[in-house]
PDB file of N, CA and C in Angstrom:
ATOM      1  N   MET A   1     102.348  81.546 105.676  1.00  0.00           N
ATOM      2  CA  MET A   1     101.275  80.688 105.270  1.00  0.00           C
ATOM      3  C   MET A   1     100.188  81.552 104.625  1.00  0.00           C
ATOM      4  N   LEU A   2      99.754  81.180 103.443  1.00  0.00           N
ATOM      5  CA  LEU A   2      98.702  81.910 102.751  1.00  0.00           C
ATOM      6  C   LEU A   2      97.348  81.579 103.350  1.00  0.00           C
ATOM      7  N   ARG A   3      96.527  82.592 103.547  1.00  0.00           N
ATOM      8  CA  ARG A   3      95.163  82.414 104.047  1.00  0.00           C
ATOM      9  C   ARG A   3      94.234  83.266 103.198  1.00  0.00           C
ATOM     10  N   THR A   4      92.988  82.844 103.101  1.00  0.00           N
ATOM     11  CA  THR A   4      91.972  83.580 102.369  1.00  0.00           C
ATOM     12  C   THR A   4      90.914  84.058 103.349  1.00  0.00           C
ATOM     13  N   ILE A   5      90.526  85.324 103.214  1.00  0.00           N
ATOM     14  CA  ILE A   5      89.495  85.897 104.080  1.00  0.00           C
ATOM     15  C   ILE A   5      88.408  86.509 103.208  1.00  0.00           C
ATOM     16  N   THR A   6      87.229  86.707 103.803  1.00  0.00           N
ATOM     17  CA  THR A   6      86.153  87.415 103.118  1.00  0.00           C
ATOM     18  C   THR A   6      85.977  88.782 103.778  1.00  0.00           C
ATOM     19  N   LEU A   7      85.811  89.804 102.948  1.00  0.00           N
ATOM     20  CA  LEU A   7      85.625  91.168 103.436  1.00  0.00           C
ATOM     21  C   LEU A   7      84.167  91.586 103.359  1.00  0.00           C
ATOM     22  N   GLY A   8      83.372  90.828 102.690  1.00  0.00           N
ATOM     23  CA  GLY A   8      81.950  91.119 102.532  1.00  0.00           C
ATOM     24  C   GLY A   8      81.295  89.889 101.943  1.00  0.00           C
ATOM     25  N   SER A   9      80.182  90.064 101.279  1.00  0.00           N
ATOM     26  CA  SER A   9      79.503  88.907 100.711  1.00  0.00           C
ATOM     27  C   SER A   9      80.158  88.437  99.420  1.00  0.00           C
ATOM     28  N   CYS A  10      80.880  89.313  98.724  1.00  0.00           N
ATOM     29  CA  CYS A  10      81.439  88.956  97.420  1.00  0.00           C
ATOM     30  C   CYS A  10      82.947  89.152  97.291  1.00  0.00           C
ATOM     31  N   VAL A  11      83.574  89.807  98.242  1.00  0.00           N
ATOM     32  CA  VAL A  11      84.990  90.156  98.116  1.00  0.00           C
ATOM     33  C   VAL A  11      85.828  89.263  99.011  1.00  0.00           C
ATOM     34  N   SER A  12      86.865  88.648  98.421  1.00  0.00           N
ATOM     35  CA  SER A  12      87.798  87.850  99.214  1.00  0.00           C
ATOM     36  C   SER A  12      89.215  88.313  98.909  1.00  0.00           C
ATOM     37  N   VAL A  13      90.101  88.103  99.883  1.00  0.00           N
ATOM     38  CA  VAL A  13      91.501  88.513  99.771  1.00  0.00           C
ATOM     39  C   VAL A  13      92.361  87.347 100.221  1.00  0.00           C
ATOM     40  N   GLN A  14      93.440  87.095  99.481  1.00  0.00           N
ATOM     41  CA  GLN A  14      94.388  86.056  99.871  1.00  0.00           C
ATOM     42  C   GLN A  14      95.725  86.715 100.153  1.00  0.00           C
ATOM     43  N   GLY A  15      96.294  86.395 101.311  1.00  0.00           N
ATOM     44  CA  GLY A  15      97.563  86.997 101.684  1.00  0.00           C
ATOM     45  C   GLY A  15      98.261  86.196 102.769  1.00  0.00           C
ATOM     46  N   ILE A  16      99.358  86.733 103.247  1.00  0.00           N
ATOM     47  CA  ILE A  16     100.162  86.089 104.279  1.00  0.00           C
ATOM     48  C   ILE A  16      99.494  86.293 105.638  1.00  0.00           C
ATOM     49  N   PHE A  17      99.289  85.197 106.370  1.00  0.00           N
ATOM     50  CA  PHE A  17      98.652  85.256 107.688  1.00  0.00           C
ATOM     51  C   PHE A  17      99.510  86.078 108.641  1.00  0.00           C
ATOM     52  N   GLU A  18      98.881  87.033 109.337  1.00  0.00           N
ATOM     53  CA  GLU A  18      99.566  87.846 110.338  1.00  0.00           C
ATOM     54  C   GLU A  18      99.199  87.409 111.753  1.00  0.00           C
ATOM     55  N   ARG A  19      97.900  87.468 112.093  1.00  0.00           N
ATOM     56  CA  ARG A  19      97.479  87.064 113.441  1.00  0.00           C
ATOM     57  C   ARG A  19      95.969  86.862 113.516  1.00  0.00           C
ATOM     58  N   GLN A  20      95.563  86.108 114.544  1.00  0.00           N
ATOM     59  CA  GLN A  20      94.154  85.855 114.842  1.00  0.00           C
ATOM     60  C   GLN A  20      93.668  86.929 115.808  1.00  0.00           C
ATOM     61  N   LEU A  21      92.495  87.482 115.556  1.00  0.00           N
ATOM     62  CA  LEU A  21      91.921  88.488 116.430  1.00  0.00           C
ATOM     63  C   LEU A  21      90.908  87.848 117.375  1.00  0.00           C
ATOM     64  N   GLU A  22      90.595  88.531 118.456  1.00  0.00           N
ATOM     65  CA  GLU A  22      89.704  87.983 119.478  1.00  0.00           C
ATOM     66  C   GLU A  22      88.267  87.858 119.005  1.00  0.00           C
ATOM     67  N   ASN A  23      87.870  88.609 117.972  1.00  0.00           N
ATOM     68  CA  ASN A  23      86.494  88.574 117.482  1.00  0.00           C
ATOM     69  C   ASN A  23      86.263  87.501 116.412  1.00  0.00           C
ATOM     70  N   GLY A  24      87.251  86.615 116.188  1.00  0.00           N
ATOM     71  CA  GLY A  24      87.115  85.539 115.212  1.00  0.00           C
ATOM     72  C   GLY A  24      87.679  85.870 113.844  1.00  0.00           C
ATOM     73  N   LYS A  25      88.040  87.130 113.638  1.00  0.00           N
ATOM     74  CA  LYS A  25      88.623  87.532 112.363  1.00  0.00           C
ATOM     75  C   LYS A  25      90.125  87.297 112.381  1.00  0.00           C
ATOM     76  N   ILE A  26      90.746  87.338 111.189  1.00  0.00           N
ATOM     77  CA  ILE A  26      92.199  87.240 111.094  1.00  0.00           C
ATOM     78  C   ILE A  26      92.715  88.396 110.248  1.00  0.00           C
ATOM     79  N   LEU A  27      93.996  88.688 110.399  1.00  0.00           N
ATOM     80  CA  LEU A  27      94.668  89.700 109.592  1.00  0.00           C
ATOM     81  C   LEU A  27      95.570  89.006 108.583  1.00  0.00           C
ATOM     82  N   VAL A  28      95.516  89.456 107.326  1.00  0.00           N
ATOM     83  CA  VAL A  28      96.437  88.975 106.302  1.00  0.00           C
ATOM     84  C   VAL A  28      97.139  90.166 105.680  1.00  0.00           C
ATOM     85  N   ARG A  29      98.378  89.953 105.268  1.00  0.00           N
ATOM     86  CA  ARG A  29      99.185  91.015 104.669  1.00  0.00           C
ATOM     87  C   ARG A  29      99.317  90.765 103.174  1.00  0.00           C
ATOM     88  N   VAL A  30      99.044  91.819 102.396  1.00  0.00           N
ATOM     89  CA  VAL A  30      99.262  91.806 100.948  1.00  0.00           C
ATOM     90  C   VAL A  30     100.175  92.984 100.652  1.00  0.00           C
ATOM     91  N   GLY A  31     101.437  92.692 100.415  1.00  0.00           N
ATOM     92  CA  GLY A  31     102.417  93.764 100.249  1.00  0.00           C
ATOM     93  C   GLY A  31     102.566  94.504 101.564  1.00  0.00           C
ATOM     94  N   SER A  32     102.304  95.809 101.557  1.00  0.00           N
ATOM     95  CA  SER A  32     102.400  96.593 102.790  1.00  0.00           C
ATOM     96  C   SER A  32     101.027  96.832 103.425  1.00  0.00           C
ATOM     97  N   LEU A  33      99.963  96.276 102.836  1.00  0.00           N
ATOM     98  CA  LEU A  33      98.603  96.482 103.341  1.00  0.00           C
ATOM     99  C   LEU A  33      98.153  95.327 104.226  1.00  0.00           C
ATOM    100  N   LEU A  34      97.395  95.655 105.277  1.00  0.00           N
ATOM    101  CA  LEU A  34      96.789  94.646 106.141  1.00  0.00           C
ATOM    102  C   LEU A  34      95.287  94.648 105.921  1.00  0.00           C
ATOM    103  N   PHE A  35      94.712  93.446 105.791  1.00  0.00           N
ATOM    104  CA  PHE A  35      93.274  93.301 105.624  1.00  0.00           C
ATOM    105  C   PHE A  35      92.737  92.450 106.763  1.00  0.00           C
ATOM    106  N   GLU A  36      91.553  92.823 107.263  1.00  0.00           N
ATOM    107  CA  GLU A  36      90.901  92.108 108.354  1.00  0.00           C
ATOM    108  C   GLU A  36      89.597  91.512 107.839  1.00  0.00           C
ATOM    109  N   GLY A  37      89.399  90.216 108.110  1.00  0.00           N
ATOM    110  CA  GLY A  37      88.160  89.577 107.680  1.00  0.00           C
ATOM    111  C   GLY A  37      88.017  88.198 108.283  1.00  0.00           C
ATOM    112  N   PHE A  38      86.894  87.553 107.947  1.00  0.00           N
ATOM    113  CA  PHE A  38      86.647  86.207 108.451  1.00  0.00           C
ATOM    114  C   PHE A  38      87.342  85.181 107.557  1.00  0.00           C
ATOM    115  N   PRO A  39      87.987  84.186 108.140  1.00  0.00           N
ATOM    116  CA  PRO A  39      88.674  83.176 107.334  1.00  0.00           C
ATOM    117  C   PRO A  39      87.679  82.328 106.540  1.00  0.00           C
ATOM    118  N   VAL A  40      88.099  81.932 105.346  1.00  0.00           N
ATOM    119  CA  VAL A  40      87.296  81.037 104.522  1.00  0.00           C
ATOM    120  C   VAL A  40      87.540  79.622 105.027  1.00  0.00           C
ATOM    121  N   THR A  41      86.454  78.908 105.318  1.00  0.00           N
ATOM    122  CA  THR A  41      86.576  77.547 105.844  1.00  0.00           C
ATOM    123  C   THR A  41      86.652  76.545 104.710  1.00  0.00           C
ATOM    124  N   LYS A  42      87.332  75.445 104.957  1.00  0.00           N
ATOM    125  CA  LYS A  42      87.431  74.369 103.974  1.00  0.00           C
ATOM    126  C   LYS A  42      86.146  73.563 103.990  1.00  0.00           C
ATOM    127  N   LYS A  43      85.695  73.145 102.832  1.00  0.00           N
ATOM    128  CA  LYS A  43      84.487  72.331 102.722  1.00  0.00           C
ATOM    129  C   LYS A  43      84.866  70.919 102.335  1.00  0.00           C
ATOM    130  N   ALA A  44      84.209  69.956 102.916  1.00  0.00           N
ATOM    131  CA  ALA A  44      84.472  68.559 102.563  1.00  0.00           C
ATOM    132  C   ALA A  44      83.878  68.259 101.195  1.00  0.00           C
ATOM    133  N   ALA A  45      84.587  67.459 100.418  1.00  0.00           N
ATOM    134  CA  ALA A  45      84.126  67.127  99.076  1.00  0.00           C
ATOM    135  C   ALA A  45      83.110  66.007  99.114  1.00  0.00           C
TER     136      ALA A  45
END
């Protein structure tokens, strides 16, 4: 499942969901790299 995370105020990464961390962040995999960040929430239209 693809998920999008934010790494800072301007940088986001989209990758394959790996796992949820205890601090509210998630890990996503892009190729062989793992990125940790806060998930982007869906906004109602």
